[in-house]
Amino acid sequence: KIIDLFVGYPGSVHDSRVFRNSPLKLSQQKQKCAPYYLLADSG
């Protein structure tokens, strides 16, 4: 089940850049994930 969604960057943009600029990354710094973790691929 999707619990967070971020859409809109052009297709040439790498996953890591999309993440770096996503609201999730910004809120992660404010403990949205703490004390938990997300699983990700090598991108």
PDB file of all heavy atoms in Angstrom:
ATOM      1  N   LYS A   1       0.866  -1.185   0.000  1.00  0.00           N
ATOM      2  CA  LYS A   1       0.000   0.000   0.000  1.00  0.00           C
ATOM      3  C   LYS A   1       0.898   1.228   0.000  1.00  0.00           C
ATOM      4  O   LYS A   1       1.835   1.333   0.783  1.00  0.00           O
ATOM      5  CB  LYS A   1      -0.896   0.014   1.241  1.00  0.00           C
ATOM      6  CG  LYS A   1      -1.789   1.231   1.326  1.00  0.00           C
ATOM      7  CD  LYS A   1      -2.622   1.206   2.611  1.00  0.00           C
ATOM      8  CE  LYS A   1      -3.559   2.379   2.651  1.00  0.00           C
ATOM      9  NZ  LYS A   1      -2.993   3.556   3.279  1.00  0.00           N
ATOM     10  N   ILE A   2       0.614   2.166  -0.886  1.00  0.00           N
ATOM     11  CA  ILE A   2       1.413   3.383  -0.972  1.00  0.00           C
ATOM     12  C   ILE A   2       1.119   4.261   0.238  1.00  0.00           C
ATOM     13  O   ILE A   2      -0.033   4.588   0.518  1.00  0.00           O
ATOM     14  CB  ILE A   2       1.128   4.146  -2.282  1.00  0.00           C
ATOM     15  CG1 ILE A   2       1.564   3.298  -3.483  1.00  0.00           C
ATOM     16  CG2 ILE A   2       1.837   5.501  -2.287  1.00  0.00           C
ATOM     17  CD1 ILE A   2       1.199   3.887  -4.829  1.00  0.00           C
ATOM     18  N   ILE A   3       2.196   4.627   0.963  1.00  0.00           N
ATOM     19  CA  ILE A   3       2.061   5.485   2.139  1.00  0.00           C
ATOM     20  C   ILE A   3       2.709   6.853   1.925  1.00  0.00           C
ATOM     21  O   ILE A   3       2.547   7.749   2.746  1.00  0.00           O
ATOM     22  CB  ILE A   3       2.614   4.809   3.415  1.00  0.00           C
ATOM     23  CG1 ILE A   3       4.091   4.463   3.278  1.00  0.00           C
ATOM     24  CG2 ILE A   3       1.784   3.584   3.772  1.00  0.00           C
ATOM     25  CD1 ILE A   3       4.745   3.917   4.539  1.00  0.00           C
ATOM     26  N   ASP A   4       3.447   7.011   0.819  1.00  0.00           N
ATOM     27  CA  ASP A   4       4.029   8.303   0.474  1.00  0.00           C
ATOM     28  C   ASP A   4       4.250   8.314  -1.034  1.00  0.00           C
ATOM     29  O   ASP A   4       4.677   7.305  -1.611  1.00  0.00           O
ATOM     30  CB  ASP A   4       5.360   8.518   1.197  1.00  0.00           C
ATOM     31  CG  ASP A   4       5.896   9.926   0.989  1.00  0.00           C
ATOM     32  OD1 ASP A   4       5.397  10.845   1.674  1.00  0.00           O
ATOM     33  OD2 ASP A   4       6.798  10.110   0.145  1.00  0.00           O
ATOM     34  N   LEU A   5       3.968   9.452  -1.672  1.00  0.00           N
ATOM     35  CA  LEU A   5       4.080   9.551  -3.122  1.00  0.00           C
ATOM     36  C   LEU A   5       4.603  10.926  -3.500  1.00  0.00           C
ATOM     37  O   LEU A   5       4.174  11.932  -2.938  1.00  0.00           O
ATOM     38  CB  LEU A   5       2.705   9.326  -3.756  1.00  0.00           C
ATOM     39  CG  LEU A   5       2.643   9.178  -5.260  1.00  0.00           C
ATOM     40  CD1 LEU A   5       3.349   7.899  -5.696  1.00  0.00           C
ATOM     41  CD2 LEU A   5       1.189   9.136  -5.717  1.00  0.00           C
ATOM     42  N   PHE A   6       5.551  10.942  -4.432  1.00  0.00           N
ATOM     43  CA  PHE A   6       6.126  12.194  -4.928  1.00  0.00           C
ATOM     44  C   PHE A   6       6.297  12.034  -6.429  1.00  0.00           C
ATOM     45  O   PHE A   6       6.996  11.133  -6.893  1.00  0.00           O
ATOM     46  CB  PHE A   6       7.468  12.446  -4.237  1.00  0.00           C
ATOM     47  CG  PHE A   6       8.157  13.712  -4.651  1.00  0.00           C
ATOM     48  CD1 PHE A   6       7.540  14.945  -4.517  1.00  0.00           C
ATOM     49  CD2 PHE A   6       9.449  13.663  -5.151  1.00  0.00           C
ATOM     50  CE1 PHE A   6       8.194  16.117  -4.876  1.00  0.00           C
ATOM     51  CE2 PHE A   6      10.113  14.831  -5.512  1.00  0.00           C
ATOM     52  CZ  PHE A   6       9.486  16.058  -5.380  1.00  0.00           C
ATOM     53  N   VAL A   7       5.655  12.903  -7.215  1.00  0.00           N
ATOM     54  CA  VAL A   7       5.634  12.777  -8.667  1.00  0.00           C
ATOM     55  C   VAL A   7       5.987  14.115  -9.315  1.00  0.00           C
ATOM     56  O   VAL A   7       5.599  15.162  -8.813  1.00  0.00           O
ATOM     57  CB  VAL A   7       4.234  12.350  -9.163  1.00  0.00           C
ATOM     58  CG1 VAL A   7       4.198  12.194 -10.671  1.00  0.00           C
ATOM     59  CG2 VAL A   7       3.784  11.075  -8.487  1.00  0.00           C
ATOM     60  N   GLY A   8       6.697  14.046 -10.455  1.00  0.00           N
ATOM     61  CA  GLY A   8       6.843  15.242 -11.249  1.00  0.00           C
ATOM     62  C   GLY A   8       8.195  15.540 -11.846  1.00  0.00           C
ATOM     63  O   GLY A   8       8.290  16.308 -12.795  1.00  0.00           O
ATOM     64  N   TYR A   9       9.270  14.956 -11.335  1.00  0.00           N
ATOM     65  CA  TYR A   9      10.574  15.237 -11.929  1.00  0.00           C
ATOM     66  C   TYR A   9      10.663  14.612 -13.314  1.00  0.00           C
ATOM     67  O   TYR A   9      10.102  13.536 -13.555  1.00  0.00           O
ATOM     68  CB  TYR A   9      11.703  14.700 -11.045  1.00  0.00           C
ATOM     69  CG  TYR A   9      12.225  15.727 -10.069  1.00  0.00           C
ATOM     70  CD1 TYR A   9      11.533  16.024  -8.910  1.00  0.00           C
ATOM     71  CD2 TYR A   9      13.403  16.416 -10.329  1.00  0.00           C
ATOM     72  CE1 TYR A   9      12.005  16.973  -8.018  1.00  0.00           C
ATOM     73  CE2 TYR A   9      13.881  17.376  -9.452  1.00  0.00           C
ATOM     74  CZ  TYR A   9      13.178  17.649  -8.305  1.00  0.00           C
ATOM     75  OH  TYR A   9      13.636  18.601  -7.440  1.00  0.00           O
ATOM     76  N   PRO A  10      11.405  15.240 -14.236  1.00  0.00           N
ATOM     77  CA  PRO A  10      11.577  14.669 -15.576  1.00  0.00           C
ATOM     78  C   PRO A  10      12.248  13.299 -15.526  1.00  0.00           C
ATOM     79  O   PRO A  10      13.017  13.001 -14.605  1.00  0.00           O
ATOM     80  CB  PRO A  10      12.491  15.680 -16.282  1.00  0.00           C
ATOM     81  CG  PRO A  10      12.343  16.946 -15.521  1.00  0.00           C
ATOM     82  CD  PRO A  10      12.060  16.541 -14.103  1.00  0.00           C
ATOM     83  N   GLY A  11      11.990  12.489 -16.526  1.00  0.00           N
ATOM     84  CA  GLY A  11      12.493  11.121 -16.573  1.00  0.00           C
ATOM     85  C   GLY A  11      13.995  10.962 -16.549  1.00  0.00           C
ATOM     86  O   GLY A  11      14.503   9.922 -16.156  1.00  0.00           O
ATOM     87  N   SER A  12      14.746  11.978 -16.968  1.00  0.00           N
ATOM     88  CA  SER A  12      16.208  11.853 -16.987  1.00  0.00           C
ATOM     89  C   SER A  12      16.830  12.007 -15.601  1.00  0.00           C
ATOM     90  O   SER A  12      18.008  11.743 -15.427  1.00  0.00           O
ATOM     91  CB  SER A  12      16.812  12.914 -17.922  1.00  0.00           C
ATOM     92  OG  SER A  12      16.583  14.220 -17.410  1.00  0.00           O
ATOM     93  N   VAL A  13      16.041  12.410 -14.616  1.00  0.00           N
ATOM     94  CA  VAL A  13      16.562  12.652 -13.274  1.00  0.00           C
ATOM     95  C   VAL A  13      16.732  11.331 -12.529  1.00  0.00           C
ATOM     96  O   VAL A  13      15.845  10.476 -12.538  1.00  0.00           O
ATOM     97  CB  VAL A  13      15.631  13.609 -12.495  1.00  0.00           C
ATOM     98  CG1 VAL A  13      16.109  13.808 -11.070  1.00  0.00           C
ATOM     99  CG2 VAL A  13      15.530  14.943 -13.216  1.00  0.00           C
ATOM    100  N   HIS A  14      17.865  11.149 -11.874  1.00  0.00           N
ATOM    101  CA  HIS A  14      18.173   9.921 -11.138  1.00  0.00           C
ATOM    102  C   HIS A  14      17.340   9.832  -9.858  1.00  0.00           C
ATOM    103  O   HIS A  14      17.006  10.848  -9.250  1.00  0.00           O
ATOM    104  CB  HIS A  14      19.670   9.896 -10.810  1.00  0.00           C
ATOM    105  CG  HIS A  14      20.154   8.567 -10.337  1.00  0.00           C
ATOM    106  ND1 HIS A  14      20.116   8.192  -9.018  1.00  0.00           N
ATOM    107  CD2 HIS A  14      20.662   7.515 -11.018  1.00  0.00           C
ATOM    108  CE1 HIS A  14      20.588   6.967  -8.897  1.00  0.00           C
ATOM    109  NE2 HIS A  14      20.941   6.536 -10.103  1.00  0.00           N
ATOM    110  N   ASP A  15      17.045   8.584  -9.431  1.00  0.00           N
ATOM    111  CA  ASP A  15      16.267   8.348  -8.212  1.00  0.00           C
ATOM    112  C   ASP A  15      16.836   9.076  -7.000  1.00  0.00           C
ATOM    113  O   ASP A  15      16.094   9.611  -6.184  1.00  0.00           O
ATOM    114  CB  ASP A  15      16.216   6.851  -7.880  1.00  0.00           C
ATOM    115  CG  ASP A  15      15.278   6.071  -8.782  1.00  0.00           C
ATOM    116  OD1 ASP A  15      14.517   6.692  -9.537  1.00  0.00           O
ATOM    117  OD2 ASP A  15      15.316   4.827  -8.711  1.00  0.00           O
ATOM    118  N   SER A  16      18.155   9.099  -6.888  1.00  0.00           N
ATOM    119  CA  SER A  16      18.769   9.729  -5.710  1.00  0.00           C
ATOM    120  C   SER A  16      18.503  11.230  -5.678  1.00  0.00           C
ATOM    121  O   SER A  16      18.311  11.805  -4.607  1.00  0.00           O
ATOM    122  CB  SER A  16      20.272   9.451  -5.654  1.00  0.00           C
ATOM    123  OG  SER A  16      20.928  10.001  -6.765  1.00  0.00           O
ATOM    124  N   ARG A  17      18.463  11.868  -6.830  1.00  0.00           N
ATOM    125  CA  ARG A  17      18.163  13.307  -6.880  1.00  0.00           C
ATOM    126  C   ARG A  17      16.697  13.565  -6.568  1.00  0.00           C
ATOM    127  O   ARG A  17      16.362  14.525  -5.858  1.00  0.00           O
ATOM    128  CB  ARG A  17      18.533  13.889  -8.238  1.00  0.00           C
ATOM    129  CG  ARG A  17      18.307  15.376  -8.302  1.00  0.00           C
ATOM    130  CD  ARG A  17      18.873  15.973  -9.570  1.00  0.00           C
ATOM    131  NE  ARG A  17      18.393  17.326  -9.731  1.00  0.00           N
ATOM    132  CZ  ARG A  17      18.266  17.927 -10.895  1.00  0.00           C
ATOM    133  NH1 ARG A  17      18.605  17.307 -12.012  1.00  0.00           N
ATOM    134  NH2 ARG A  17      17.820  19.154 -10.966  1.00  0.00           N
ATOM    135  N   VAL A  18      15.819  12.731  -7.091  1.00  0.00           N
ATOM    136  CA  VAL A  18      14.396  12.867  -6.780  1.00  0.00           C
ATOM    137  C   VAL A  18      14.205  12.760  -5.273  1.00  0.00           C
ATOM    138  O   VAL A  18      13.535  13.594  -4.656  1.00  0.00           O
ATOM    139  CB  VAL A  18      13.552  11.805  -7.524  1.00  0.00           C
ATOM    140  CG1 VAL A  18      12.098  11.852  -7.070  1.00  0.00           C
ATOM    141  CG2 VAL A  18      13.647  11.995  -9.032  1.00  0.00           C
ATOM    142  N   PHE A  19      14.829  11.759  -4.671  1.00  0.00           N
ATOM    143  CA  PHE A  19      14.717  11.571  -3.222  1.00  0.00           C
ATOM    144  C   PHE A  19      15.273  12.773  -2.465  1.00  0.00           C
ATOM    145  O   PHE A  19      14.646  13.284  -1.539  1.00  0.00           O
ATOM    146  CB  PHE A  19      15.448  10.299  -2.793  1.00  0.00           C
ATOM    147  CG  PHE A  19      15.482  10.098  -1.304  1.00  0.00           C
ATOM    148  CD1 PHE A  19      14.321   9.841  -0.587  1.00  0.00           C
ATOM    149  CD2 PHE A  19      16.674  10.185  -0.608  1.00  0.00           C
ATOM    150  CE1 PHE A  19      14.350   9.660   0.784  1.00  0.00           C
ATOM    151  CE2 PHE A  19      16.717  10.004   0.759  1.00  0.00           C
ATOM    152  CZ  PHE A  19      15.546   9.746   1.461  1.00  0.00           C
ATOM    153  N   ARG A  20      16.441  13.225  -2.873  1.00  0.00           N
ATOM    154  CA  ARG A  20      17.096  14.345  -2.187  1.00  0.00           C
ATOM    155  C   ARG A  20      16.217  15.595  -2.166  1.00  0.00           C
ATOM    156  O   ARG A  20      16.268  16.389  -1.233  1.00  0.00           O
ATOM    157  CB  ARG A  20      18.435  14.637  -2.881  1.00  0.00           C
ATOM    158  CG  ARG A  20      19.314  15.604  -2.165  1.00  0.00           C
ATOM    159  CD  ARG A  20      20.717  15.723  -2.785  1.00  0.00           C
ATOM    160  NE  ARG A  20      20.729  15.991  -4.214  1.00  0.00           N
ATOM    161  CZ  ARG A  20      21.201  15.150  -5.141  1.00  0.00           C
ATOM    162  NH1 ARG A  20      21.692  13.981  -4.806  1.00  0.00           N
ATOM    163  NH2 ARG A  20      21.187  15.475  -6.409  1.00  0.00           N
ATOM    164  N   ASN A  21      15.388  15.769  -3.194  1.00  0.00           N
ATOM    165  CA  ASN A  21      14.535  16.954  -3.300  1.00  0.00           C
ATOM    166  C   ASN A  21      13.080  16.687  -2.918  1.00  0.00           C
ATOM    167  O   ASN A  21      12.234  17.569  -3.068  1.00  0.00           O
ATOM    168  CB  ASN A  21      14.608  17.509  -4.724  1.00  0.00           C
ATOM    169  CG  ASN A  21      15.978  18.063  -5.026  1.00  0.00           C
ATOM    170  OD1 ASN A  21      16.404  19.029  -4.416  1.00  0.00           O
ATOM    171  ND2 ASN A  21      16.694  17.422  -5.930  1.00  0.00           N
ATOM    172  N   SER A  22      12.793  15.507  -2.436  1.00  0.00           N
ATOM    173  CA  SER A  22      11.409  15.154  -2.102  1.00  0.00           C
ATOM    174  C   SER A  22      11.013  15.663  -0.714  1.00  0.00           C
ATOM    175  O   SER A  22      11.861  15.811   0.163  1.00  0.00           O
ATOM    176  CB  SER A  22      11.224  13.638  -2.150  1.00  0.00           C
ATOM    177  OG  SER A  22      11.901  13.018  -1.077  1.00  0.00           O
ATOM    178  N   PRO A  23       9.727  15.883  -0.509  1.00  0.00           N
ATOM    179  CA  PRO A  23       9.245  16.240   0.833  1.00  0.00           C
ATOM    180  C   PRO A  23       9.585  15.166   1.866  1.00  0.00           C
ATOM    181  O   PRO A  23       9.828  15.476   3.023  1.00  0.00           O
ATOM    182  CB  PRO A  23       7.737  16.373   0.658  1.00  0.00           C
ATOM    183  CG  PRO A  23       7.541  16.660  -0.786  1.00  0.00           C
ATOM    184  CD  PRO A  23       8.653  15.925  -1.499  1.00  0.00           C
ATOM    185  N   LEU A  24       9.625  13.901   1.449  1.00  0.00           N
ATOM    186  CA  LEU A  24       9.965  12.820   2.373  1.00  0.00           C
ATOM    187  C   LEU A  24      11.368  13.012   2.924  1.00  0.00           C
ATOM    188  O   LEU A  24      11.592  12.880   4.126  1.00  0.00           O
ATOM    189  CB  LEU A  24       9.858  11.462   1.685  1.00  0.00           C
ATOM    190  CG  LEU A  24      10.300  10.262   2.519  1.00  0.00           C
ATOM    191  CD1 LEU A  24       9.390  10.091   3.736  1.00  0.00           C
ATOM    192  CD2 LEU A  24      10.311   9.008   1.679  1.00  0.00           C
ATOM    193  N   LYS A  25      12.328  13.314   2.075  1.00  0.00           N
ATOM    194  CA  LYS A  25      13.709  13.523   2.522  1.00  0.00           C
ATOM    195  C   LYS A  25      13.772  14.679   3.512  1.00  0.00           C
ATOM    196  O   LYS A  25      14.434  14.604   4.539  1.00  0.00           O
ATOM    197  CB  LYS A  25      14.617  13.783   1.320  1.00  0.00           C
ATOM    198  CG  LYS A  25      16.006  14.281   1.669  1.00  0.00           C
ATOM    199  CD  LYS A  25      16.808  13.246   2.425  1.00  0.00           C
ATOM    200  CE  LYS A  25      18.242  13.726   2.552  1.00  0.00           C
ATOM    201  NZ  LYS A  25      18.798  13.574   3.848  1.00  0.00           N
ATOM    202  N   LEU A  26      13.060  15.738   3.213  1.00  0.00           N
ATOM    203  CA  LEU A  26      13.070  16.905   4.096  1.00  0.00           C
ATOM    204  C   LEU A  26      12.403  16.571   5.431  1.00  0.00           C
ATOM    205  O   LEU A  26      12.898  16.935   6.485  1.00  0.00           O
ATOM    206  CB  LEU A  26      12.369  18.083   3.419  1.00  0.00           C
ATOM    207  CG  LEU A  26      13.006  18.536   2.095  1.00  0.00           C
ATOM    208  CD1 LEU A  26      12.159  19.616   1.444  1.00  0.00           C
ATOM    209  CD2 LEU A  26      14.424  19.021   2.303  1.00  0.00           C
ATOM    210  N   SER A  27      11.281  15.850   5.383  1.00  0.00           N
ATOM    211  CA  SER A  27      10.587  15.508   6.633  1.00  0.00           C
ATOM    212  C   SER A  27      11.319  14.404   7.383  1.00  0.00           C
ATOM    213  O   SER A  27      11.199  14.297   8.596  1.00  0.00           O
ATOM    214  CB  SER A  27       9.149  15.085   6.360  1.00  0.00           C
ATOM    215  OG  SER A  27       9.115  13.893   5.610  1.00  0.00           O
ATOM    216  N   GLN A  28      12.101  13.608   6.663  1.00  0.00           N
ATOM    217  CA  GLN A  28      12.893  12.555   7.303  1.00  0.00           C
ATOM    218  C   GLN A  28      13.847  13.190   8.304  1.00  0.00           C
ATOM    219  O   GLN A  28      14.087  12.651   9.374  1.00  0.00           O
ATOM    220  CB  GLN A  28      13.655  11.784   6.230  1.00  0.00           C
ATOM    221  CG  GLN A  28      14.559  10.712   6.763  1.00  0.00           C
ATOM    222  CD  GLN A  28      15.401  10.102   5.662  1.00  0.00           C
ATOM    223  OE1 GLN A  28      15.192  10.367   4.492  1.00  0.00           O
ATOM    224  NE2 GLN A  28      16.349   9.303   6.034  1.00  0.00           N
ATOM    225  N   GLN A  29      14.351  14.344   7.949  1.00  0.00           N
ATOM    226  CA  GLN A  29      15.242  15.053   8.854  1.00  0.00           C
ATOM    227  C   GLN A  29      14.493  15.499  10.111  1.00  0.00           C
ATOM    228  O   GLN A  29      15.078  15.728  11.140  1.00  0.00           O
ATOM    229  CB  GLN A  29      15.846  16.285   8.160  1.00  0.00           C
ATOM    230  CG  GLN A  29      16.629  15.973   6.903  1.00  0.00           C
ATOM    231  CD  GLN A  29      17.790  15.022   7.134  1.00  0.00           C
ATOM    232  OE1 GLN A  29      18.330  14.939   8.220  1.00  0.00           O
ATOM    233  NE2 GLN A  29      18.152  14.282   6.109  1.00  0.00           N
ATOM    234  N   LYS A  30      13.177  15.612   9.997  1.00  0.00           N
ATOM    235  CA  LYS A  30      12.360  16.040  11.138  1.00  0.00           C
ATOM    236  C   LYS A  30      11.695  14.835  11.799  1.00  0.00           C
ATOM    237  O   LYS A  30      10.616  14.925  12.350  1.00  0.00           O
ATOM    238  CB  LYS A  30      11.309  17.037  10.664  1.00  0.00           C
ATOM    239  CG  LYS A  30      11.923  18.307  10.124  1.00  0.00           C
ATOM    240  CD  LYS A  30      10.864  19.212   9.563  1.00  0.00           C
ATOM    241  CE  LYS A  30      11.522  20.415   8.912  1.00  0.00           C
ATOM    242  NZ  LYS A  30      10.746  20.976   7.842  1.00  0.00           N
ATOM    243  N   GLN A  31      12.308  13.679  11.663  1.00  0.00           N
ATOM    244  CA  GLN A  31      11.928  12.445  12.349  1.00  0.00           C
ATOM    245  C   GLN A  31      10.642  11.805  11.838  1.00  0.00           C
ATOM    246  O   GLN A  31       9.948  11.144  12.584  1.00  0.00           O
ATOM    247  CB  GLN A  31      11.833  12.667  13.853  1.00  0.00           C
ATOM    248  CG  GLN A  31      13.132  13.097  14.469  1.00  0.00           C
ATOM    249  CD  GLN A  31      13.078  13.109  15.977  1.00  0.00           C
ATOM    250  OE1 GLN A  31      12.038  12.917  16.578  1.00  0.00           O
ATOM    251  NE2 GLN A  31      14.209  13.328  16.597  1.00  0.00           N
ATOM    252  N   LYS A  32      10.339  11.937  10.550  1.00  0.00           N
ATOM    253  CA  LYS A  32       9.181  11.233  10.009  1.00  0.00           C
ATOM    254  C   LYS A  32       9.421   9.723  10.071  1.00  0.00           C
ATOM    255  O   LYS A  32       8.516   8.976  10.352  1.00  0.00           O
ATOM    256  CB  LYS A  32       8.911  11.668   8.567  1.00  0.00           C
ATOM    257  CG  LYS A  32       7.599  11.151   8.030  1.00  0.00           C
ATOM    258  CD  LYS A  32       7.247  11.812   6.725  1.00  0.00           C
ATOM    259  CE  LYS A  32       5.824  11.518   6.335  1.00  0.00           C
ATOM    260  NZ  LYS A  32       5.411  12.241   5.152  1.00  0.00           N
ATOM    261  N   CYS A  33      10.648   9.309   9.837  1.00  0.00           N
ATOM    262  CA  CYS A  33      10.974   7.876   9.862  1.00  0.00           C
ATOM    263  C   CYS A  33      11.458   7.407  11.229  1.00  0.00           C
ATOM    264  O   CYS A  33      11.300   6.244  11.570  1.00  0.00           O
ATOM    265  CB  CYS A  33      12.047   7.561   8.828  1.00  0.00           C
ATOM    266  SG  CYS A  33      11.479   7.673   7.142  1.00  0.00           S
ATOM    267  N   ALA A  34      12.102   8.262  11.979  1.00  0.00           N
ATOM    268  CA  ALA A  34      12.731   7.852  13.250  1.00  0.00           C
ATOM    269  C   ALA A  34      11.729   7.185  14.167  1.00  0.00           C
ATOM    270  O   ALA A  34      10.602   7.630  14.261  1.00  0.00           O
ATOM    271  CB  ALA A  34      13.366   9.053  13.931  1.00  0.00           C
ATOM    272  N   PRO A  35      12.086   6.108  14.814  1.00  0.00           N
ATOM    273  CA  PRO A  35      13.365   5.401  14.802  1.00  0.00           C
ATOM    274  C   PRO A  35      13.394   4.268  13.775  1.00  0.00           C
ATOM    275  O   PRO A  35      14.149   3.317  13.923  1.00  0.00           O
ATOM    276  CB  PRO A  35      13.421   4.829  16.219  1.00  0.00           C
ATOM    277  CG  PRO A  35      12.000   4.468  16.508  1.00  0.00           C
ATOM    278  CD  PRO A  35      11.183   5.552  15.825  1.00  0.00           C
ATOM    279  N   TYR A  36      12.579   4.362  12.750  1.00  0.00           N
ATOM    280  CA  TYR A  36      12.438   3.298  11.755  1.00  0.00           C
ATOM    281  C   TYR A  36      13.297   3.563  10.525  1.00  0.00           C
ATOM    282  O   TYR A  36      13.930   4.600  10.395  1.00  0.00           O
ATOM    283  CB  TYR A  36      10.969   3.166  11.344  1.00  0.00           C
ATOM    284  CG  TYR A  36      10.051   2.887  12.502  1.00  0.00           C
ATOM    285  CD1 TYR A  36       9.281   3.893  13.057  1.00  0.00           C
ATOM    286  CD2 TYR A  36       9.960   1.615  13.048  1.00  0.00           C
ATOM    287  CE1 TYR A  36       8.435   3.641  14.123  1.00  0.00           C
ATOM    288  CE2 TYR A  36       9.119   1.344  14.115  1.00  0.00           C
ATOM    289  CZ  TYR A  36       8.359   2.363  14.647  1.00  0.00           C
ATOM    290  OH  TYR A  36       7.526   2.107  15.706  1.00  0.00           O
ATOM    291  N   TYR A  37      13.258   2.586   9.591  1.00  0.00           N
ATOM    292  CA  TYR A  37      14.056   2.641   8.376  1.00  0.00           C
ATOM    293  C   TYR A  37      13.199   2.321   7.162  1.00  0.00           C
ATOM    294  O   TYR A  37      12.164   1.667   7.275  1.00  0.00           O
ATOM    295  CB  TYR A  37      15.202   1.618   8.426  1.00  0.00           C
ATOM    296  CG  TYR A  37      16.067   1.767   9.643  1.00  0.00           C
ATOM    297  CD1 TYR A  37      15.771   1.066  10.804  1.00  0.00           C
ATOM    298  CD2 TYR A  37      17.162   2.617   9.637  1.00  0.00           C
ATOM    299  CE1 TYR A  37      16.556   1.216  11.941  1.00  0.00           C
ATOM    300  CE2 TYR A  37      17.953   2.768  10.762  1.00  0.00           C
ATOM    301  CZ  TYR A  37      17.639   2.067  11.910  1.00  0.00           C
ATOM    302  OH  TYR A  37      18.406   2.215  13.034  1.00  0.00           O
ATOM    303  N   LEU A  38      13.690   2.761   5.997  1.00  0.00           N
ATOM    304  CA  LEU A  38      13.102   2.394   4.712  1.00  0.00           C
ATOM    305  C   LEU A  38      14.098   1.509   3.972  1.00  0.00           C
ATOM    306  O   LEU A  38      15.307   1.705   4.081  1.00  0.00           O
ATOM    307  CB  LEU A  38      12.834   3.645   3.862  1.00  0.00           C
ATOM    308  CG  LEU A  38      11.852   4.659   4.417  1.00  0.00           C
ATOM    309  CD1 LEU A  38      11.802   5.891   3.513  1.00  0.00           C
ATOM    310  CD2 LEU A  38      10.474   4.050   4.571  1.00  0.00           C
ATOM    311  N   LEU A  39      13.590   0.548   3.226  1.00  0.00           N
ATOM    312  CA  LEU A  39      14.433  -0.279   2.366  1.00  0.00           C
ATOM    313  C   LEU A  39      14.468   0.353   0.981  1.00  0.00           C
ATOM    314  O   LEU A  39      13.430   0.795   0.476  1.00  0.00           O
ATOM    315  CB  LEU A  39      13.870  -1.698   2.260  1.00  0.00           C
ATOM    316  CG  LEU A  39      13.819  -2.516   3.544  1.00  0.00           C
ATOM    317  CD1 LEU A  39      13.196  -3.883   3.264  1.00  0.00           C
ATOM    318  CD2 LEU A  39      15.208  -2.672   4.135  1.00  0.00           C
ATOM    319  N   ALA A  40      15.647   0.389   0.370  1.00  0.00           N
ATOM    320  CA  ALA A  40      15.797   0.992  -0.948  1.00  0.00           C
ATOM    321  C   ALA A  40      16.769   0.178  -1.792  1.00  0.00           C
ATOM    322  O   ALA A  40      17.546  -0.621  -1.265  1.00  0.00           O
ATOM    323  CB  ALA A  40      16.319   2.424  -0.810  1.00  0.00           C
ATOM    324  N   ASP A  41      16.726   0.397  -3.099  1.00  0.00           N
ATOM    325  CA  ASP A  41      17.708  -0.252  -3.968  1.00  0.00           C
ATOM    326  C   ASP A  41      18.955   0.623  -4.056  1.00  0.00           C
ATOM    327  O   ASP A  41      19.047   1.671  -3.414  1.00  0.00           O
ATOM    328  CB  ASP A  41      17.107  -0.569  -5.340  1.00  0.00           C
ATOM    329  CG  ASP A  41      16.712   0.666  -6.144  1.00  0.00           C
ATOM    330  OD1 ASP A  41      17.165   1.794  -5.822  1.00  0.00           O
ATOM    331  OD2 ASP A  41      15.944   0.510  -7.111  1.00  0.00           O
ATOM    332  N   SER A  42      19.896   0.205  -4.881  1.00  0.00           N
ATOM    333  CA  SER A  42      21.182   0.907  -4.956  1.00  0.00           C
ATOM    334  C   SER A  42      21.087   2.262  -5.645  1.00  0.00           C
ATOM    335  O   SER A  42      22.059   3.015  -5.661  1.00  0.00           O
ATOM    336  CB  SER A  42      22.221   0.034  -5.654  1.00  0.00           C
ATOM    337  OG  SER A  42      21.774  -0.270  -6.966  1.00  0.00           O
ATOM    338  N   GLY A  43      19.922   2.604  -6.184  1.00  0.00           N
ATOM    339  CA  GLY A  43      19.725   3.924  -6.772  1.00  0.00           C
ATOM    340  C   GLY A  43      19.575   5.004  -5.722  1.00  0.00           C
ATOM    341  O   GLY A  43      19.584   6.189  -6.043  1.00  0.00           O
TER     342      GLY A  43
END
